[in-house]
């Protein structure tokens, strides 16, 4: 059995299971401003704490929704080759999203963590698997998640 076939069997046995819960991380104003600088999205609700405290319905600045989404790879622990989704993976590539919602804001200064549930795993080409995971961002002390995404990865063996 090839590495891809073994990984597929292992992944398919875990469908429906939570496969990772990250540590908590604090979303800082510096991170929000760096994201604004990288994307050009300098809306005051994100980058002007004084105005956000005065005028925002959230009582202060909030993280960009797409910043919350972009933290997925960091929170999933996929930032290094030694942290592969499955043994034998040479490369993992973000393939896209099937669904994305931002049900609640992430206040600057809040702590968040990611929860990951395996939804699907299939072979899409020789030596290539596609995996779908649900990424849910919890905000510490809040009942409603800040982000729910169904993300697709291509795994190359």
Protein backbone atom coordinates (compact mmCIF):
# COMPACT_ATOMS: atom_id res chain seq x y z
CA UNK A 1 0.00 0.00 0.00
CA UNK A 2 1.39 3.42 -0.98
CA UNK A 3 1.84 6.33 1.42
CA UNK A 4 -1.18 8.10 -0.06
CA UNK A 5 -3.34 4.97 0.24
CA UNK A 6 -2.30 4.42 3.85
CA UNK A 7 -2.93 8.07 4.70
CA UNK A 8 -6.33 7.97 2.98
CA UNK A 9 -7.39 4.91 4.97
CA UNK A 10 -6.21 6.55 8.19
CA UNK A 11 -7.96 9.83 7.41
CA UNK A 12 -11.22 8.18 6.34
CA UNK A 13 -11.30 6.34 9.68
CA UNK A 14 -11.33 9.74 11.42
CA UNK A 15 -14.08 11.46 9.41
CA UNK A 16 -16.46 13.25 11.75
CA UNK A 17 -13.86 13.47 14.52
CA UNK A 18 -12.20 16.52 15.97
CA UNK A 19 -8.60 16.21 14.80
CA UNK A 20 -7.00 19.27 16.41
CA UNK A 21 -7.64 21.93 19.05
CA UNK A 22 -5.13 24.77 19.14
CA UNK A 23 -3.73 26.61 22.10
CA UNK A 24 -5.30 29.95 22.93
CA UNK A 25 -3.74 33.00 21.29
CA UNK A 26 -4.35 36.69 21.91
CA UNK A 27 -5.37 38.85 18.95
CA UNK A 28 -3.37 42.04 19.44
CA UNK A 29 -3.87 45.51 17.97
CA UNK A 30 -0.39 45.18 16.41
CA UNK A 31 -1.48 42.02 14.54
CA UNK A 32 -4.68 43.74 13.35
CA UNK A 33 -2.72 46.78 12.11
CA UNK A 34 -0.17 44.53 10.37
CA UNK A 35 -3.04 42.74 8.61
CA UNK A 36 -4.55 46.10 7.64
CA UNK A 37 -1.19 47.18 6.22
CA UNK A 38 -0.83 43.90 4.28
CA UNK A 39 -4.32 44.10 2.77
CA UNK A 40 -4.94 47.84 2.57
CA UNK A 41 -8.09 47.46 4.71
CA UNK A 42 -7.65 50.31 7.21
CA UNK A 43 -11.30 50.64 8.20
CA UNK A 44 -11.49 52.55 11.49
CA UNK A 45 -13.37 49.76 13.28
CA UNK A 46 -10.13 47.76 13.09
CA UNK A 47 -7.32 50.32 13.34
CA UNK A 48 -8.64 53.30 15.34
CA UNK A 49 -9.18 52.07 18.92
CA UNK A 50 -10.39 55.45 20.24
CA UNK A 51 -13.00 55.91 17.53
CA UNK A 52 -14.02 52.24 17.77
CA UNK A 53 -14.61 52.64 21.53
CA UNK A 54 -16.76 55.73 20.85
CA UNK A 55 -18.69 54.71 17.73
CA UNK A 56 -18.54 50.95 17.24
CA UNK A 57 -21.45 48.74 18.30
CA UNK A 58 -18.77 46.37 19.65
CA UNK A 59 -17.33 48.83 22.19
CA UNK A 60 -13.84 48.77 20.72
CA UNK A 61 -11.76 47.63 17.77
CA UNK A 62 -12.31 44.20 16.24
CA UNK A 63 -10.16 41.95 14.08
CA UNK A 64 -10.86 41.70 10.38
CA UNK A 65 -12.92 38.63 9.54
CA UNK A 66 -10.33 37.61 6.99
CA UNK A 67 -7.58 37.97 9.60
CA UNK A 68 -9.50 35.48 11.74
CA UNK A 69 -9.73 33.16 8.72
CA UNK A 70 -6.06 33.60 7.85
CA UNK A 71 -4.98 32.42 11.32
CA UNK A 72 -6.30 28.98 10.40
CA UNK A 73 -2.93 27.60 9.25
CA UNK A 74 -1.17 28.90 12.37
CA UNK A 75 -3.88 27.59 14.71
CA UNK A 76 -3.99 24.24 12.86
CA UNK A 77 -0.26 23.86 13.36
CA UNK A 78 0.52 23.49 9.66
CA UNK A 79 3.35 26.01 9.57
CA UNK A 80 6.18 23.49 9.21
CA UNK A 81 6.95 20.32 7.27
CA UNK A 82 7.23 18.39 10.54
CA UNK A 83 3.54 19.11 11.23
CA UNK A 84 1.90 17.37 8.29
CA UNK A 85 -1.79 16.45 8.21
CA UNK A 86 -0.80 12.82 7.55
CA UNK A 87 2.50 10.86 7.52
CA UNK A 88 4.36 10.98 4.22
CA UNK A 89 2.89 14.28 3.03
CA UNK A 90 5.52 16.18 1.05
CA UNK A 91 3.40 19.28 0.60
CA UNK A 92 0.01 20.57 1.71
CA UNK A 93 -1.67 23.26 -0.39
CA UNK A 94 -4.68 25.36 0.50
CA UNK A 95 -7.26 24.49 -2.16
CA UNK A 96 -10.06 26.82 -1.05
CA UNK A 97 -13.28 26.99 0.91
CA UNK A 98 -16.69 25.43 0.50
CA UNK A 99 -18.34 27.59 3.15
CA UNK A 100 -17.36 30.58 5.27
CA UNK A 101 -19.27 32.53 7.92
CA UNK A 102 -18.28 35.13 10.56
CA UNK A 103 -21.09 34.80 13.16
CA UNK A 104 -19.44 37.03 15.79
CA UNK A 105 -16.60 39.57 16.01
CA UNK A 106 -13.18 39.03 17.58
CA UNK A 107 -12.51 41.98 19.88
CA UNK A 108 -8.91 43.15 19.88
CA UNK A 109 -7.30 41.74 23.02
CA UNK A 110 -9.51 38.63 23.01
CA UNK A 111 -8.07 35.14 23.14
CA UNK A 112 -9.10 32.75 20.38
CA UNK A 113 -8.48 29.13 19.54
CA UNK A 114 -9.24 26.92 16.57
CA UNK A 115 -11.12 23.63 16.61
CA UNK A 116 -10.77 21.36 13.57
CA UNK A 117 -13.08 18.52 12.55
CA UNK A 118 -12.31 16.22 9.63
CA UNK A 119 -15.26 16.20 7.22
CA UNK A 120 -13.99 14.42 4.09
CA UNK A 121 -10.92 12.73 2.62
CA UNK A 122 -10.60 11.42 -0.93
CA UNK A 123 -8.00 10.65 -3.55
CA UNK A 124 -8.24 13.15 -6.41
CA UNK A 125 -5.21 12.07 -8.48
CA UNK A 126 -2.38 9.57 -8.12
CA UNK A 127 -0.48 10.53 -4.97
CA UNK A 128 -2.85 13.43 -4.20
CA UNK A 129 -5.51 13.51 -1.51
CA UNK A 130 -8.09 16.20 -0.84
CA UNK A 131 -9.15 16.82 2.75
CA UNK A 132 -12.01 18.96 3.99
CA UNK A 133 -11.96 20.23 7.59
CA UNK A 134 -14.34 22.44 9.53
CA UNK A 135 -12.42 25.29 11.18
CA UNK A 136 -14.27 26.86 14.10
CA UNK A 137 -12.82 29.85 15.94
CA UNK A 138 -13.85 30.16 19.58
CA UNK A 139 -13.50 33.44 21.44
CA UNK A 140 -12.71 32.85 25.09
CA UNK A 141 -15.75 33.59 27.26
CA UNK A 142 -18.16 33.89 24.33
CA UNK A 143 -20.88 31.44 23.30
CA UNK A 144 -20.92 32.23 19.58
CA UNK A 145 -17.99 31.30 17.32
CA UNK A 146 -16.20 34.05 15.40
CA UNK A 147 -15.56 32.01 12.27
CA UNK A 148 -16.80 28.76 10.79
CA UNK A 149 -15.16 27.63 7.57
CA UNK A 150 -15.07 24.43 5.56
CA UNK A 151 -11.53 24.38 4.21
CA UNK A 152 -10.02 22.21 1.53
CA UNK A 153 -6.39 21.05 1.43
CA UNK A 154 -4.59 19.09 -1.24
CA UNK A 155 -2.01 16.70 0.17
CA UNK A 156 0.84 15.63 -2.14
CA UNK A 157 2.79 12.44 -1.45
